[in-house]
Amino acid sequence: MENKMAANKAVLPAFVLALGLITYRGAKNGSATNNPVPHLPLPSQFVGAFFVYGILSMFSGQASKPAVLVAYGLDVAILLNLWNAGGQVNQTNTAIVTANTTAATATAKKG
């Protein structure tokens, strides 16, 4: 008899990889503001990853393959610094959003 509530164990390697990437990035950016322990990521970054990958591991059956792809996609995003588990926005992303908002506002005023 198959357990319908079985966790998707294929997400576990992606989760471990994410923890390693978050730890490496925290060690590399050791002088982060509001960080009580230098050279370590904030615990909230690990908790955020735990919840995201935990939810992805709950998908089973036909939905397990897309969940695993999303999990590894998040790992790639962490590696390329596109997703910050702490919820902080990168300055480069802020500049792009500001430029797009300014261009959209200028276009709306002309029309």
PDB file of N, CA and C in Angstrom:
ATOM      1  N   MET A   1       0.847  -1.183   0.000  1.00  0.00           N
ATOM      2  CA  MET A   1       0.000   0.000   0.000  1.00  0.00           C
ATOM      3  C   MET A   1       0.895   1.251   0.000  1.00  0.00           C
ATOM      4  N   GLU A   2       0.623   2.147  -0.905  1.00  0.00           N
ATOM      5  CA  GLU A   2       1.425   3.351  -1.053  1.00  0.00           C
ATOM      6  C   GLU A   2       0.912   4.447  -0.119  1.00  0.00           C
ATOM      7  N   ASN A   3       1.843   5.111   0.545  1.00  0.00           N
ATOM      8  CA  ASN A   3       1.481   6.190   1.456  1.00  0.00           C
ATOM      9  C   ASN A   3       1.276   7.461   0.650  1.00  0.00           C
ATOM     10  N   LYS A   4       0.057   7.990   0.641  1.00  0.00           N
ATOM     11  CA  LYS A   4      -0.240   9.177  -0.153  1.00  0.00           C
ATOM     12  C   LYS A   4       0.350  10.446   0.459  1.00  0.00           C
ATOM     13  N   MET A   5       0.696  10.417   1.720  1.00  0.00           N
ATOM     14  CA  MET A   5       1.264  11.592   2.384  1.00  0.00           C
ATOM     15  C   MET A   5       2.787  11.515   2.478  1.00  0.00           C
ATOM     16  N   ALA A   6       3.396  10.629   1.735  1.00  0.00           N
ATOM     17  CA  ALA A   6       4.853  10.479   1.780  1.00  0.00           C
ATOM     18  C   ALA A   6       5.517  11.743   1.258  1.00  0.00           C
ATOM     19  N   ALA A   7       6.578  12.120   1.929  1.00  0.00           N
ATOM     20  CA  ALA A   7       7.298  13.323   1.533  1.00  0.00           C
ATOM     21  C   ALA A   7       8.106  13.050   0.272  1.00  0.00           C
ATOM     22  N   ASN A   8       8.302  14.073  -0.504  1.00  0.00           N
ATOM     23  CA  ASN A   8       9.096  13.985  -1.717  1.00  0.00           C
ATOM     24  C   ASN A   8      10.566  14.064  -1.313  1.00  0.00           C
ATOM     25  N   LYS A   9      11.219  12.923  -1.259  1.00  0.00           N
ATOM     26  CA  LYS A   9      12.605  12.876  -0.783  1.00  0.00           C
ATOM     27  C   LYS A   9      13.593  13.410  -1.810  1.00  0.00           C
ATOM     28  N   ALA A  10      13.163  13.630  -3.032  1.00  0.00           N
ATOM     29  CA  ALA A  10      14.055  14.163  -4.058  1.00  0.00           C
ATOM     30  C   ALA A  10      14.370  15.640  -3.837  1.00  0.00           C
ATOM     31  N   VAL A  11      13.600  16.309  -2.985  1.00  0.00           N
ATOM     32  CA  VAL A  11      13.854  17.723  -2.695  1.00  0.00           C
ATOM     33  C   VAL A  11      14.976  17.876  -1.663  1.00  0.00           C
ATOM     34  N   LEU A  12      15.247  16.833  -0.902  1.00  0.00           N
ATOM     35  CA  LEU A  12      16.250  16.916   0.162  1.00  0.00           C
ATOM     36  C   LEU A  12      17.643  17.326  -0.333  1.00  0.00           C
ATOM     37  N   PRO A  13      18.178  16.744  -1.413  1.00  0.00           N
ATOM     38  CA  PRO A  13      19.496  17.208  -1.878  1.00  0.00           C
ATOM     39  C   PRO A  13      19.495  18.684  -2.287  1.00  0.00           C
ATOM     40  N   ALA A  14      18.396  19.145  -2.878  1.00  0.00           N
ATOM     41  CA  ALA A  14      18.295  20.564  -3.245  1.00  0.00           C
ATOM     42  C   ALA A  14      18.277  21.440  -1.998  1.00  0.00           C
ATOM     43  N   PHE A  15      17.607  20.960  -0.939  1.00  0.00           N
ATOM     44  CA  PHE A  15      17.559  21.703   0.319  1.00  0.00           C
ATOM     45  C   PHE A  15      18.945  21.794   0.956  1.00  0.00           C
ATOM     46  N   VAL A  16      19.665  20.683   0.962  1.00  0.00           N
ATOM     47  CA  VAL A  16      21.018  20.682   1.539  1.00  0.00           C
ATOM     48  C   VAL A  16      21.935  21.597   0.733  1.00  0.00           C
ATOM     49  N   LEU A  17      21.797  21.574  -0.590  1.00  0.00           N
ATOM     50  CA  LEU A  17      22.582  22.474  -1.440  1.00  0.00           C
ATOM     51  C   LEU A  17      22.242  23.932  -1.133  1.00  0.00           C
ATOM     52  N   ALA A  18      20.967  24.237  -0.937  1.00  0.00           N
ATOM     53  CA  ALA A  18      20.557  25.603  -0.606  1.00  0.00           C
ATOM     54  C   ALA A  18      21.161  26.048   0.721  1.00  0.00           C
ATOM     55  N   LEU A  19      21.162  25.155   1.719  1.00  0.00           N
ATOM     56  CA  LEU A  19      21.767  25.510   3.004  1.00  0.00           C
ATOM     57  C   LEU A  19      23.254  25.798   2.845  1.00  0.00           C
ATOM     58  N   GLY A  20      23.928  24.997   2.037  1.00  0.00           N
ATOM     59  CA  GLY A  20      25.344  25.239   1.782  1.00  0.00           C
ATOM     60  C   GLY A  20      25.583  26.561   1.078  1.00  0.00           C
ATOM     61  N   LEU A  21      24.758  26.877   0.088  1.00  0.00           N
ATOM     62  CA  LEU A  21      24.911  28.147  -0.635  1.00  0.00           C
ATOM     63  C   LEU A  21      24.612  29.342   0.266  1.00  0.00           C
ATOM     64  N   ILE A  22      23.592  29.227   1.101  1.00  0.00           N
ATOM     65  CA  ILE A  22      23.261  30.318   2.024  1.00  0.00           C
ATOM     66  C   ILE A  22      24.399  30.520   3.022  1.00  0.00           C
ATOM     67  N   THR A  23      24.967  29.425   3.517  1.00  0.00           N
ATOM     68  CA  THR A  23      26.078  29.525   4.465  1.00  0.00           C
ATOM     69  C   THR A  23      27.304  30.136   3.801  1.00  0.00           C
ATOM     70  N   TYR A  24      27.606  29.706   2.576  1.00  0.00           N
ATOM     71  CA  TYR A  24      28.756  30.254   1.857  1.00  0.00           C
ATOM     72  C   TYR A  24      28.580  31.750   1.609  1.00  0.00           C
ATOM     73  N   ARG A  25      27.382  32.136   1.175  1.00  0.00           N
ATOM     74  CA  ARG A  25      27.145  33.552   0.906  1.00  0.00           C
ATOM     75  C   ARG A  25      27.237  34.378   2.189  1.00  0.00           C
ATOM     76  N   GLY A  26      26.765  33.810   3.307  1.00  0.00           N
ATOM     77  CA  GLY A  26      26.869  34.512   4.585  1.00  0.00           C
ATOM     78  C   GLY A  26      28.307  34.667   5.029  1.00  0.00           C
ATOM     79  N   ALA A  27      29.129  33.645   4.782  1.00  0.00           N
ATOM     80  CA  ALA A  27      30.541  33.729   5.148  1.00  0.00           C
ATOM     81  C   ALA A  27      31.280  34.703   4.247  1.00  0.00           C
ATOM     82  N   LYS A  28      30.891  34.762   2.989  1.00  0.00           N
ATOM     83  CA  LYS A  28      31.546  35.670   2.045  1.00  0.00           C
ATOM     84  C   LYS A  28      31.198  37.126   2.341  1.00  0.00           C
ATOM     85  N   ASN A  29      29.948  37.392   2.701  1.00  0.00           N
ATOM     86  CA  ASN A  29      29.490  38.752   3.014  1.00  0.00           C
ATOM     87  C   ASN A  29      29.486  38.951   4.520  1.00  0.00           C
ATOM     88  N   GLY A  30      30.613  38.767   5.157  1.00  0.00           N
ATOM     89  CA  GLY A  30      30.694  38.772   6.610  1.00  0.00           C
ATOM     90  C   GLY A  30      30.354  40.087   7.282  1.00  0.00           C
ATOM     91  N   SER A  31      30.372  41.176   6.570  1.00  0.00           N
ATOM     92  CA  SER A  31      30.131  42.468   7.209  1.00  0.00           C
ATOM     93  C   SER A  31      28.711  42.956   6.977  1.00  0.00           C
ATOM     94  N   ALA A  32      27.745  42.050   6.956  1.00  0.00           N
ATOM     95  CA  ALA A  32      26.346  42.428   6.747  1.00  0.00           C
ATOM     96  C   ALA A  32      25.829  43.223   7.944  1.00  0.00           C
ATOM     97  N   THR A  33      25.032  44.231   7.673  1.00  0.00           N
ATOM     98  CA  THR A  33      24.479  45.046   8.753  1.00  0.00           C
ATOM     99  C   THR A  33      23.421  44.264   9.503  1.00  0.00           C
ATOM    100  N   ASN A  34      23.231  44.603  10.743  1.00  0.00           N
ATOM    101  CA  ASN A  34      22.246  43.969  11.635  1.00  0.00           C
ATOM    102  C   ASN A  34      22.503  42.475  11.839  1.00  0.00           C
ATOM    103  N   ASN A  35      23.716  42.043  11.671  1.00  0.00           N
ATOM    104  CA  ASN A  35      24.049  40.640  11.874  1.00  0.00           C
ATOM    105  C   ASN A  35      24.849  40.516  13.167  1.00  0.00           C
ATOM    106  N   PRO A  36      24.290  39.867  14.198  1.00  0.00           N
ATOM    107  CA  PRO A  36      24.983  39.795  15.478  1.00  0.00           C
ATOM    108  C   PRO A  36      26.236  38.919  15.444  1.00  0.00           C
ATOM    109  N   VAL A  37      26.293  37.964  14.529  1.00  0.00           N
ATOM    110  CA  VAL A  37      27.459  37.086  14.429  1.00  0.00           C
ATOM    111  C   VAL A  37      28.081  37.286  13.053  1.00  0.00           C
ATOM    112  N   PRO A  38      29.242  37.945  12.988  1.00  0.00           N
ATOM    113  CA  PRO A  38      29.859  38.175  11.680  1.00  0.00           C
ATOM    114  C   PRO A  38      30.230  36.853  10.995  1.00  0.00           C
ATOM    115  N   HIS A  39      30.209  36.865   9.700  1.00  0.00           N
ATOM    116  CA  HIS A  39      30.592  35.736   8.846  1.00  0.00           C
ATOM    117  C   HIS A  39      29.651  34.544   8.950  1.00  0.00           C
ATOM    118  N   LEU A  40      28.449  34.726   9.463  1.00  0.00           N
ATOM    119  CA  LEU A  40      27.425  33.684   9.459  1.00  0.00           C
ATOM    120  C   LEU A  40      26.109  34.302   9.005  1.00  0.00           C
ATOM    121  N   PRO A  41      25.322  33.560   8.243  1.00  0.00           N
ATOM    122  CA  PRO A  41      24.021  34.106   7.827  1.00  0.00           C
ATOM    123  C   PRO A  41      23.061  34.178   9.011  1.00  0.00           C
ATOM    124  N   LEU A  42      22.069  35.025   8.875  1.00  0.00           N
ATOM    125  CA  LEU A  42      21.058  35.150   9.920  1.00  0.00           C
ATOM    126  C   LEU A  42      20.230  33.868   9.990  1.00  0.00           C
ATOM    127  N   PRO A  43      19.792  33.476  11.167  1.00  0.00           N
ATOM    128  CA  PRO A  43      18.966  32.267  11.291  1.00  0.00           C
ATOM    129  C   PRO A  43      17.672  32.346  10.488  1.00  0.00           C
ATOM    130  N   SER A  44      17.156  33.547  10.276  1.00  0.00           N
ATOM    131  CA  SER A  44      15.914  33.680   9.507  1.00  0.00           C
ATOM    132  C   SER A  44      16.094  33.221   8.064  1.00  0.00           C
ATOM    133  N   GLN A  45      17.315  33.299   7.547  1.00  0.00           N
ATOM    134  CA  GLN A  45      17.549  32.812   6.191  1.00  0.00           C
ATOM    135  C   GLN A  45      17.402  31.292   6.131  1.00  0.00           C
ATOM    136  N   PHE A  46      17.879  30.604   7.169  1.00  0.00           N
ATOM    137  CA  PHE A  46      17.724  29.153   7.217  1.00  0.00           C
ATOM    138  C   PHE A  46      16.264  28.767   7.428  1.00  0.00           C
ATOM    139  N   VAL A  47      15.558  29.510   8.265  1.00  0.00           N
ATOM    140  CA  VAL A  47      14.146  29.212   8.529  1.00  0.00           C
ATOM    141  C   VAL A  47      13.322  29.409   7.252  1.00  0.00           C
ATOM    142  N   GLY A  48      13.618  30.476   6.513  1.00  0.00           N
ATOM    143  CA  GLY A  48      12.911  30.717   5.254  1.00  0.00           C
ATOM    144  C   GLY A  48      13.130  29.586   4.265  1.00  0.00           C
ATOM    145  N   ALA A  49      14.371  29.130   4.144  1.00  0.00           N
ATOM    146  CA  ALA A  49      14.669  28.013   3.239  1.00  0.00           C
ATOM    147  C   ALA A  49      13.976  26.738   3.721  1.00  0.00           C
ATOM    148  N   PHE A  50      13.943  26.542   5.036  1.00  0.00           N
ATOM    149  CA  PHE A  50      13.288  25.357   5.595  1.00  0.00           C
ATOM    150  C   PHE A  50      11.820  25.310   5.205  1.00  0.00           C
ATOM    151  N   PHE A  51      11.127  26.444   5.310  1.00  0.00           N
ATOM    152  CA  PHE A  51       9.708  26.473   4.973  1.00  0.00           C
ATOM    153  C   PHE A  51       9.481  26.289   3.476  1.00  0.00           C
ATOM    154  N   VAL A  52      10.267  26.967   2.645  1.00  0.00           N
ATOM    155  CA  VAL A  52      10.070  26.870   1.196  1.00  0.00           C
ATOM    156  C   VAL A  52      10.321  25.450   0.712  1.00  0.00           C
ATOM    157  N   TYR A  53      11.445  24.866   1.118  1.00  0.00           N
ATOM    158  CA  TYR A  53      11.765  23.512   0.662  1.00  0.00           C
ATOM    159  C   TYR A  53      10.878  22.475   1.356  1.00  0.00           C
ATOM    160  N   GLY A  54      10.431  22.767   2.564  1.00  0.00           N
ATOM    161  CA  GLY A  54       9.492  21.872   3.236  1.00  0.00           C
ATOM    162  C   GLY A  54       8.169  21.795   2.510  1.00  0.00           C
ATOM    163  N   ILE A  55       7.681  22.930   2.046  1.00  0.00           N
ATOM    164  CA  ILE A  55       6.436  22.943   1.276  1.00  0.00           C
ATOM    165  C   ILE A  55       6.628  22.208  -0.047  1.00  0.00           C
ATOM    166  N   LEU A  56       7.779  22.415  -0.697  1.00  0.00           N
ATOM    167  CA  LEU A  56       8.034  21.710  -1.952  1.00  0.00           C
ATOM    168  C   LEU A  56       8.120  20.197  -1.754  1.00  0.00           C
ATOM    169  N   SER A  57       8.587  19.767  -0.594  1.00  0.00           N
ATOM    170  CA  SER A  57       8.712  18.329  -0.352  1.00  0.00           C
ATOM    171  C   SER A  57       7.361  17.663  -0.089  1.00  0.00           C
ATOM    172  N   MET A  58       6.318  18.437   0.131  1.00  0.00           N
ATOM    173  CA  MET A  58       4.995  17.867   0.395  1.00  0.00           C
ATOM    174  C   MET A  58       4.274  17.435  -0.879  1.00  0.00           C
ATOM    175  N   PHE A  59       4.763  17.845  -2.030  1.00  0.00           N
ATOM    176  CA  PHE A  59       4.134  17.437  -3.288  1.00  0.00           C
ATOM    177  C   PHE A  59       4.531  16.005  -3.602  1.00  0.00           C
ATOM    178  N   SER A  60       3.568  15.205  -3.994  1.00  0.00           N
ATOM    179  CA  SER A  60       3.853  13.816  -4.333  1.00  0.00           C
ATOM    180  C   SER A  60       3.121  13.458  -5.625  1.00  0.00           C
ATOM    181  N   GLY A  61       3.399  12.280  -6.134  1.00  0.00           N
ATOM    182  CA  GLY A  61       2.741  11.829  -7.357  1.00  0.00           C
ATOM    183  C   GLY A  61       3.230  12.597  -8.566  1.00  0.00           C
ATOM    184  N   GLN A  62       2.297  13.031  -9.393  1.00  0.00           N
ATOM    185  CA  GLN A  62       2.641  13.751 -10.618  1.00  0.00           C
ATOM    186  C   GLN A  62       3.243  15.129 -10.333  1.00  0.00           C
ATOM    187  N   ALA A  63       2.927  15.709  -9.198  1.00  0.00           N
ATOM    188  CA  ALA A  63       3.422  17.050  -8.871  1.00  0.00           C
ATOM    189  C   ALA A  63       4.832  17.033  -8.295  1.00  0.00           C
ATOM    190  N   SER A  64       5.399  15.856  -8.063  1.00  0.00           N
ATOM    191  CA  SER A  64       6.722  15.809  -7.441  1.00  0.00           C
ATOM    192  C   SER A  64       7.825  16.269  -8.392  1.00  0.00           C
ATOM    193  N   LYS A  65       7.697  15.947  -9.672  1.00  0.00           N
ATOM    194  CA  LYS A  65       8.741  16.346 -10.627  1.00  0.00           C
ATOM    195  C   LYS A  65       8.828  17.866 -10.787  1.00  0.00           C
ATOM    196  N   PRO A  66       7.713  18.585 -10.971  1.00  0.00           N
ATOM    197  CA  PRO A  66       7.818  20.049 -11.025  1.00  0.00           C
ATOM    198  C   PRO A  66       8.319  20.648  -9.708  1.00  0.00           C
ATOM    199  N   ALA A  67       7.971  20.037  -8.583  1.00  0.00           N
ATOM    200  CA  ALA A  67       8.442  20.547  -7.292  1.00  0.00           C
ATOM    201  C   ALA A  67       9.951  20.418  -7.185  1.00  0.00           C
ATOM    202  N   VAL A  68      10.498  19.304  -7.666  1.00  0.00           N
ATOM    203  CA  VAL A  68      11.956  19.120  -7.648  1.00  0.00           C
ATOM    204  C   VAL A  68      12.620  20.115  -8.587  1.00  0.00           C
ATOM    205  N   LEU A  69      12.030  20.354  -9.752  1.00  0.00           N
ATOM    206  CA  LEU A  69      12.589  21.347 -10.677  1.00  0.00           C
ATOM    207  C   LEU A  69      12.579  22.744 -10.065  1.00  0.00           C
ATOM    208  N   VAL A  70      11.505  23.084  -9.373  1.00  0.00           N
ATOM    209  CA  VAL A  70      11.437  24.388  -8.701  1.00  0.00           C
ATOM    210  C   VAL A  70      12.498  24.471  -7.610  1.00  0.00           C
ATOM    211  N   ALA A  71      12.698  23.383  -6.868  1.00  0.00           N
ATOM    212  CA  ALA A  71      13.691  23.371  -5.793  1.00  0.00           C
ATOM    213  C   ALA A  71      15.089  23.622  -6.351  1.00  0.00           C
ATOM    214  N   TYR A  72      15.439  22.933  -7.420  1.00  0.00           N
ATOM    215  CA  TYR A  72      16.761  23.151  -8.017  1.00  0.00           C
ATOM    216  C   TYR A  72      16.841  24.510  -8.712  1.00  0.00           C
ATOM    217  N   GLY A  73      15.723  24.999  -9.221  1.00  0.00           N
ATOM    218  CA  GLY A  73      15.700  26.349  -9.782  1.00  0.00           C
ATOM    219  C   GLY A  73      15.981  27.399  -8.721  1.00  0.00           C
ATOM    220  N   LEU A  74      15.454  27.186  -7.514  1.00  0.00           N
ATOM    221  CA  LEU A  74      15.759  28.105  -6.415  1.00  0.00           C
ATOM    222  C   LEU A  74      17.242  28.044  -6.044  1.00  0.00           C
ATOM    223  N   ASP A  75      17.836  26.842  -6.134  1.00  0.00           N
ATOM    224  CA  ASP A  75      19.271  26.724  -5.876  1.00  0.00           C
ATOM    225  C   ASP A  75      20.083  27.529  -6.880  1.00  0.00           C
ATOM    226  N   VAL A  76      19.681  27.468  -8.136  1.00  0.00           N
ATOM    227  CA  VAL A  76      20.366  28.252  -9.162  1.00  0.00           C
ATOM    228  C   VAL A  76      20.186  29.741  -8.889  1.00  0.00           C
ATOM    229  N   ALA A  77      18.980  30.129  -8.459  1.00  0.00           N
ATOM    230  CA  ALA A  77      18.734  31.539  -8.142  1.00  0.00           C
ATOM    231  C   ALA A  77      19.584  31.998  -6.962  1.00  0.00           C
ATOM    232  N   ILE A  78      19.745  31.129  -5.970  1.00  0.00           N
ATOM    233  CA  ILE A  78      20.603  31.480  -4.830  1.00  0.00           C
ATOM    234  C   ILE A  78      22.046  31.607  -5.297  1.00  0.00           C
ATOM    235  N   LEU A  79      22.482  30.675  -6.154  1.00  0.00           N
ATOM    236  CA  LEU A  79      23.856  30.702  -6.654  1.00  0.00           C
ATOM    237  C   LEU A  79      24.141  31.966  -7.449  1.00  0.00           C
ATOM    238  N   LEU A  80      23.188  32.394  -8.255  1.00  0.00           N
ATOM    239  CA  LEU A  80      23.359  33.601  -9.067  1.00  0.00           C
ATOM    240  C   LEU A  80      22.971  34.867  -8.315  1.00  0.00           C
ATOM    241  N   ASN A  81      22.624  34.722  -7.039  1.00  0.00           N
ATOM    242  CA  ASN A  81      22.246  35.833  -6.176  1.00  0.00           C
ATOM    243  C   ASN A  81      21.000  36.556  -6.700  1.00  0.00           C
ATOM    244  N   LEU A  82      20.066  35.788  -7.268  1.00  0.00           N
ATOM    245  CA  LEU A  82      18.809  36.357  -7.728  1.00  0.00           C
ATOM    246  C   LEU A  82      17.745  36.315  -6.648  1.00  0.00           C
ATOM    247  N   TRP A  83      17.888  35.368  -5.716  1.00  0.00           N
ATOM    248  CA  TRP A  83      16.931  35.230  -4.615  1.00  0.00           C
ATOM    249  C   TRP A  83      17.702  35.259  -3.312  1.00  0.00           C
ATOM    250  N   ASN A  84      17.305  36.147  -2.421  1.00  0.00           N
ATOM    251  CA  ASN A  84      17.941  36.243  -1.119  1.00  0.00           C
ATOM    252  C   ASN A  84      16.973  35.683  -0.096  1.00  0.00           C
ATOM    253  N   ALA A  85      17.388  34.620   0.574  1.00  0.00           N
ATOM    254  CA  ALA A  85      16.493  33.961   1.528  1.00  0.00           C
ATOM    255  C   ALA A  85      16.091  34.875   2.678  1.00  0.00           C
ATOM    256  N   GLY A  86      16.854  35.935   2.926  1.00  0.00           N
ATOM    257  CA  GLY A  86      16.521  36.866   3.994  1.00  0.00           C
ATOM    258  C   GLY A  86      15.494  37.897   3.586  1.00  0.00           C
ATOM    259  N   GLY A  87      15.148  37.944   2.315  1.00  0.00           N
ATOM    260  CA  GLY A  87      14.135  38.876   1.842  1.00  0.00           C
ATOM    261  C   GLY A  87      14.669  40.246   1.485  1.00  0.00           C
ATOM    262  N   GLN A  88      15.969  40.416   1.461  1.00  0.00           N
ATOM    263  CA  GLN A  88      16.539  41.710   1.116  1.00  0.00           C
ATOM    264  C   GLN A  88      16.619  41.848  -0.396  1.00  0.00           C
ATOM    265  N   VAL A  89      16.414  43.078  -0.876  1.00  0.00           N
ATOM    266  CA  VAL A  89      16.481  43.342  -2.309  1.00  0.00           C
ATOM    267  C   VAL A  89      17.878  43.836  -2.639  1.00  0.00           C
ATOM    268  N   ASN A  90      18.448  43.294  -3.701  1.00  0.00           N
ATOM    269  CA  ASN A  90      19.776  43.726  -4.129  1.00  0.00           C
ATOM    270  C   ASN A  90      19.700  45.134  -4.711  1.00  0.00           C
ATOM    271  N   GLN A  91      20.767  45.878  -4.570  1.00  0.00           N
ATOM    272  CA  GLN A  91      20.795  47.249  -5.080  1.00  0.00           C
ATOM    273  C   GLN A  91      20.654  47.287  -6.596  1.00  0.00           C
ATOM    274  N   THR A  92      21.214  46.319  -7.303  1.00  0.00           N
ATOM    275  CA  THR A  92      21.091  46.307  -8.760  1.00  0.00           C
ATOM    276  C   THR A  92      19.645  46.103  -9.170  1.00  0.00           C
ATOM    277  N   ASN A  93      18.927  45.229  -8.457  1.00  0.00           N
ATOM    278  CA  ASN A  93      17.514  45.030  -8.768  1.00  0.00           C
ATOM    279  C   ASN A  93      16.702  46.277  -8.471  1.00  0.00           C
ATOM    280  N   THR A  94      17.040  46.985  -7.401  1.00  0.00           N
ATOM    281  CA  THR A  94      16.340  48.221  -7.044  1.00  0.00           C
ATOM    282  C   THR A  94      16.541  49.277  -8.121  1.00  0.00           C
ATOM    283  N   ALA A  95      17.761  49.367  -8.647  1.00  0.00           N
ATOM    284  CA  ALA A  95      18.041  50.361  -9.681  1.00  0.00           C
ATOM    285  C   ALA A  95      17.253  50.062 -10.950  1.00  0.00           C
ATOM    286  N   ILE A  96      17.128  48.796 -11.306  1.00  0.00           N
ATOM    287  CA  ILE A  96      16.375  48.423 -12.499  1.00  0.00           C
ATOM    288  C   ILE A  96      14.896  48.736 -12.318  1.00  0.00           C
ATOM    289  N   VAL A  97      14.341  48.423 -11.167  1.00  0.00           N
ATOM    290  CA  VAL A  97      12.930  48.702 -10.897  1.00  0.00           C
ATOM    291  C   VAL A  97      12.676  50.199 -10.892  1.00  0.00           C
ATOM    292  N   THR A  98      13.590  50.977 -10.297  1.00  0.00           N
ATOM    293  CA  THR A  98      13.443  52.434 -10.268  1.00  0.00           C
ATOM    294  C   THR A  98      13.491  53.006 -11.671  1.00  0.00           C
ATOM    295  N   ALA A  99      14.410  52.528 -12.511  1.00  0.00           N
ATOM    296  CA  ALA A  99      14.512  53.023 -13.878  1.00  0.00           C
ATOM    297  C   ALA A  99      13.264  52.674 -14.669  1.00  0.00           C
ATOM    298  N   ASN A 100      12.741  51.461 -14.506  1.00  0.00           N
ATOM    299  CA  ASN A 100      11.527  51.067 -15.222  1.00  0.00           C
ATOM    300  C   ASN A 100      10.324  51.880 -14.763  1.00  0.00           C
ATOM    301  N   THR A 101      10.234  52.150 -13.463  1.00  0.00           N
ATOM    302  CA  THR A 101       9.125  52.935 -12.929  1.00  0.00           C
ATOM    303  C   THR A 101       9.193  54.366 -13.443  1.00  0.00           C
ATOM    304  N   THR A 102      10.405  54.943 -13.490  1.00  0.00           N
ATOM    305  CA  THR A 102      10.580  56.307 -13.985  1.00  0.00           C
ATOM    306  C   THR A 102      10.210  56.391 -15.448  1.00  0.00           C
ATOM    307  N   ALA A 103      10.631  55.401 -16.250  1.00  0.00           N
ATOM    308  CA  ALA A 103      10.299  55.400 -17.684  1.00  0.00           C
ATOM    309  C   ALA A 103       8.804  55.250 -17.891  1.00  0.00           C
ATOM    310  N   ALA A 104       8.156  54.413 -17.106  1.00  0.00           N
ATOM    311  CA  ALA A 104       6.711  54.212 -17.238  1.00  0.00           C
ATOM    312  C   ALA A 104       5.947  55.475 -16.845  1.00  0.00           C
ATOM    313  N   THR A 105       6.419  56.162 -15.817  1.00  0.00           N
ATOM    314  CA  THR A 105       5.780  57.396 -15.382  1.00  0.00           C
ATOM    315  C   THR A 105       5.916  58.477 -16.445  1.00  0.00           C
ATOM    316  N   ALA A 106       7.115  58.592 -17.060  1.00  0.00           N
ATOM    317  CA  ALA A 106       7.327  59.583 -18.094  1.00  0.00           C
ATOM    318  C   ALA A 106       6.452  59.296 -19.317  1.00  0.00           C
ATOM    319  N   THR A 107       6.311  58.028 -19.665  1.00  0.00           N
ATOM    320  CA  THR A 107       5.472  57.638 -20.805  1.00  0.00           C
ATOM    321  C   THR A 107       4.004  57.951 -20.515  1.00  0.00           C
ATOM    322  N   ALA A 108       3.575  57.716 -19.302  1.00  0.00           N
ATOM    323  CA  ALA A 108       2.172  57.970 -18.938  1.00  0.00           C
ATOM    324  C   ALA A 108       1.867  59.466 -18.967  1.00  0.00           C
ATOM    325  N   LYS A 109       2.841  60.296 -18.580  1.00  0.00           N
ATOM    326  CA  LYS A 109       2.615  61.750 -18.585  1.00  0.00           C
ATOM    327  C   LYS A 109       2.520  62.299 -20.004  1.00  0.00           C
ATOM    328  N   LYS A 110       3.266  61.703 -20.947  1.00  0.00           N
ATOM    329  CA  LYS A 110       3.229  62.154 -22.348  1.00  0.00           C
ATOM    330  C   LYS A 110       1.891  61.811 -22.988  1.00  0.00           C
ATOM    331  N   GLY A 111       1.359  60.645 -22.657  1.00  0.00           N
ATOM    332  CA  GLY A 111       0.155  60.134 -23.329  1.00  0.00           C
ATOM    333  C   GLY A 111      -1.074  60.612 -22.727  1.00  0.00           C
TER     334      GLY A 111
END
